[in-house]
Amino acid sequence: MLTLVGPEAEVVLREVAGDSLTVLGQPYGTHQLVGFKGAPLVVAMGCGLHFPGYTLIVDEAQAGELFGLLASKGCYIGQETLSKLTNLNGVKQQLVSLTLSGPVEPGCDIESDEGVRLGRVTSVATTPDGQHVALGFMKCKSKGQQVELAGSASGLLTDLTAL
């Protein structure tokens, strides 16, 4: 991973990606996949640590235990929240992926056909073939459900592995 910061960052990125780069100047959380010498290159506005292969760096022997905890153990941070999730039958919202009919801004609302707010878009990207995709959090999820997004685009809920 390479992070470019400073007044010449945009110039360097334009030299690498050329005129196909449209992510510059877009809101935090916007990503674009471009090609560089035959290899895929993800350009992100903001932090890129959430891309596949770029996560929290941990010792391989302890990687499976990074976020693990023993629920029967005494007091720990988040104990009350986890207890509520366990006893009140699960989470109220979850991460979803969306295949979009057009570009949208991160932070825009995800709405039902009736205009009821279901959640919000957290990040957006355009694939090399021009398809618009996004991630977001929603109160409920139905695979294949059609939703409306603030503005003029609509989205289809897809399996997270489809991205």
Protein backbone atom coordinates (compact mmCIF):
# COMPACT_ATOMS: atom_id res chain seq x y z
CA MET A 1 0.00 0.00 0.00
CA LEU A 2 1.18 3.46 -0.84
CA THR A 3 -0.21 6.63 0.69
CA LEU A 4 0.30 9.91 -1.11
CA VAL A 5 -0.14 13.10 0.88
CA GLY A 6 0.73 16.64 -0.03
CA PRO A 7 0.26 19.31 -2.65
CA GLU A 8 1.74 17.18 -5.50
CA ALA A 9 -0.20 13.97 -4.68
CA GLU A 10 -2.79 14.64 -7.40
CA VAL A 11 -0.08 15.28 -10.01
CA VAL A 12 1.66 11.98 -9.17
CA LEU A 13 -1.63 10.04 -9.29
CA ARG A 14 -2.52 11.55 -12.67
CA GLU A 15 0.91 10.45 -14.01
CA VAL A 16 0.26 6.89 -12.76
CA ALA A 17 -3.41 6.48 -13.72
CA GLY A 18 -3.79 8.97 -16.55
CA ASP A 19 -7.03 10.62 -17.58
CA SER A 20 -9.19 7.67 -16.47
CA LEU A 21 -8.80 8.75 -12.84
CA THR A 22 -12.11 10.28 -11.68
CA VAL A 23 -11.86 9.76 -7.91
CA LEU A 24 -9.77 12.85 -7.19
CA GLY A 25 -11.74 15.53 -5.38
CA GLN A 26 -14.52 13.09 -4.48
CA PRO A 27 -15.78 12.58 -0.88
CA TYR A 28 -13.94 10.47 1.69
CA GLY A 29 -14.74 6.79 1.16
CA THR A 30 -14.88 6.98 -2.65
CA HIS A 31 -12.73 4.39 -4.45
CA GLN A 32 -11.79 3.67 -8.03
CA LEU A 33 -10.14 0.61 -9.56
CA VAL A 34 -7.70 1.49 -12.36
CA GLY A 35 -5.00 -0.38 -14.22
CA PHE A 36 -1.29 0.29 -13.77
CA LYS A 37 1.20 -1.61 -15.96
CA GLY A 38 -1.29 -4.46 -16.36
CA ALA A 39 -2.06 -4.76 -12.64
CA PRO A 40 -5.13 -3.56 -10.74
CA LEU A 41 -4.65 -0.45 -8.62
CA VAL A 42 -7.22 0.84 -6.13
CA VAL A 43 -7.20 4.60 -5.60
CA ALA A 44 -9.06 5.65 -2.46
CA MET A 45 -9.98 8.99 -0.99
CA GLY A 46 -9.09 8.54 2.67
CA CYS A 47 -7.60 5.52 4.38
CA GLY A 48 -7.12 2.35 2.31
CA LEU A 49 -6.62 -0.11 5.18
CA HIS A 50 -9.99 -1.80 4.58
CA PHE A 51 -9.09 -3.22 1.15
CA PRO A 52 -8.50 -6.99 0.83
CA GLY A 53 -4.96 -7.75 1.88
CA TYR A 54 -4.57 -4.48 3.76
CA THR A 55 -5.97 -4.88 7.23
CA LEU A 56 -4.70 -4.70 10.78
CA ILE A 57 -1.27 -6.31 10.86
CA VAL A 58 -1.13 -9.06 13.46
CA ASP A 59 1.09 -12.03 14.22
CA GLU A 60 -0.13 -15.01 12.16
CA ALA A 61 -0.25 -17.26 15.22
CA GLN A 62 -2.70 -14.92 16.96
CA ALA A 63 -4.72 -13.73 13.94
CA GLY A 64 -7.73 -15.89 14.81
CA GLU A 65 -7.83 -14.50 18.33
CA LEU A 66 -7.59 -10.82 17.41
CA PHE A 67 -11.25 -10.00 18.03
CA GLY A 68 -12.13 -13.05 20.11
CA LEU A 69 -13.34 -12.93 23.69
CA LEU A 70 -14.63 -15.33 26.28
CA ALA A 71 -18.24 -14.32 26.99
CA SER A 72 -18.30 -16.19 30.30
CA LYS A 73 -15.34 -14.17 31.58
CA GLY A 74 -15.93 -11.33 34.03
CA CYS A 75 -16.15 -7.68 32.96
CA TYR A 76 -14.87 -6.60 29.56
CA ILE A 77 -15.37 -3.66 27.24
CA GLY A 78 -18.58 -4.12 25.25
CA GLN A 79 -20.03 -6.73 27.62
CA GLU A 80 -23.39 -4.95 27.94
CA THR A 81 -23.72 -4.48 24.18
CA LEU A 82 -22.90 -8.12 23.42
CA SER A 83 -25.29 -9.27 26.11
CA LYS A 84 -28.11 -7.23 24.53
CA LEU A 85 -27.33 -8.65 21.09
CA THR A 86 -27.40 -12.19 22.44
CA ASN A 87 -30.53 -11.77 24.55
CA LEU A 88 -32.52 -9.54 22.16
CA ASN A 89 -32.07 -11.81 19.15
CA GLY A 90 -29.35 -10.27 17.02
CA VAL A 91 -28.22 -7.09 15.37
CA LYS A 92 -30.52 -4.37 14.06
CA GLN A 93 -28.45 -3.46 10.98
CA GLN A 94 -25.82 -5.12 8.85
CA LEU A 95 -23.36 -4.47 6.05
CA VAL A 96 -24.80 -4.88 2.54
CA SER A 97 -23.40 -4.54 -0.96
CA LEU A 98 -25.28 -2.74 -3.72
CA THR A 99 -25.07 -2.87 -7.49
CA LEU A 100 -26.08 0.63 -8.60
CA SER A 101 -27.81 2.06 -11.65
CA GLY A 102 -25.57 5.15 -11.49
CA PRO A 103 -23.11 7.06 -9.29
CA VAL A 104 -24.06 8.12 -5.74
CA GLU A 105 -22.26 9.93 -2.92
CA PRO A 106 -21.03 8.18 0.25
CA GLY A 107 -23.43 9.04 3.08
CA CYS A 108 -26.58 9.10 0.94
CA ASP A 109 -29.68 7.38 2.31
CA ILE A 110 -30.88 3.95 1.23
CA GLU A 111 -34.67 4.01 0.99
CA SER A 112 -37.48 1.55 0.34
CA ASP A 113 -39.85 1.97 -2.61
CA GLU A 114 -42.18 3.80 -0.20
CA GLY A 115 -39.47 6.30 0.76
CA VAL A 116 -38.76 4.83 4.22
CA ARG A 117 -35.10 5.26 5.26
CA LEU A 118 -33.47 1.81 5.59
CA GLY A 119 -29.83 2.81 6.01
CA ARG A 120 -26.97 4.71 4.36
CA VAL A 121 -24.18 4.19 1.85
CA THR A 122 -20.71 4.14 3.42
CA SER A 123 -18.46 3.82 0.35
CA VAL A 124 -18.75 3.75 -3.43
CA ALA A 125 -16.58 2.55 -6.30
CA THR A 126 -16.64 2.14 -10.06
CA THR A 127 -15.37 -1.16 -11.48
CA PRO A 128 -13.05 -1.21 -14.53
CA ASP A 129 -16.03 -2.09 -16.75
CA GLY A 130 -17.91 1.02 -15.52
CA GLN A 131 -20.32 -0.66 -13.09
CA HIS A 132 -21.16 1.37 -9.98
CA VAL A 133 -21.07 -0.56 -6.67
CA ALA A 134 -21.37 0.46 -3.02
CA LEU A 135 -21.30 -0.78 0.55
CA GLY A 136 -23.72 0.41 3.17
CA PHE A 137 -25.45 -0.37 6.44
CA MET A 138 -29.15 -1.26 6.44
CA LYS A 139 -31.67 -2.08 9.13
CA CYS A 140 -32.81 -5.15 7.22
CA LYS A 141 -31.57 -7.11 4.25
CA SER A 142 -33.29 -9.16 1.58
CA LYS A 143 -30.99 -10.63 -1.07
CA GLY A 144 -32.02 -9.29 -4.45
CA GLN A 145 -34.22 -6.52 -3.00
CA GLN A 146 -34.45 -3.35 -5.09
CA VAL A 147 -33.85 -0.13 -3.12
CA GLU A 148 -33.75 3.57 -3.95
CA LEU A 149 -30.85 5.86 -3.08
CA ALA A 150 -30.97 9.56 -2.37
CA GLY A 151 -30.75 11.24 -5.73
CA SER A 152 -31.62 9.50 -8.96
CA ALA A 153 -29.93 6.08 -8.64
CA SER A 154 -31.44 2.79 -7.61
CA GLY A 155 -29.60 -0.22 -6.25
CA LEU A 156 -29.94 -3.98 -6.06
CA LEU A 157 -28.83 -5.70 -2.85
CA THR A 158 -26.21 -8.31 -3.74
CA ASP A 159 -24.16 -10.86 -1.88
CA LEU A 160 -21.07 -9.30 -0.24
CA THR A 161 -18.87 -11.86 -1.99
CA ALA A 162 -20.06 -10.49 -5.36
CA LEU A 163 -17.89 -7.41 -4.86
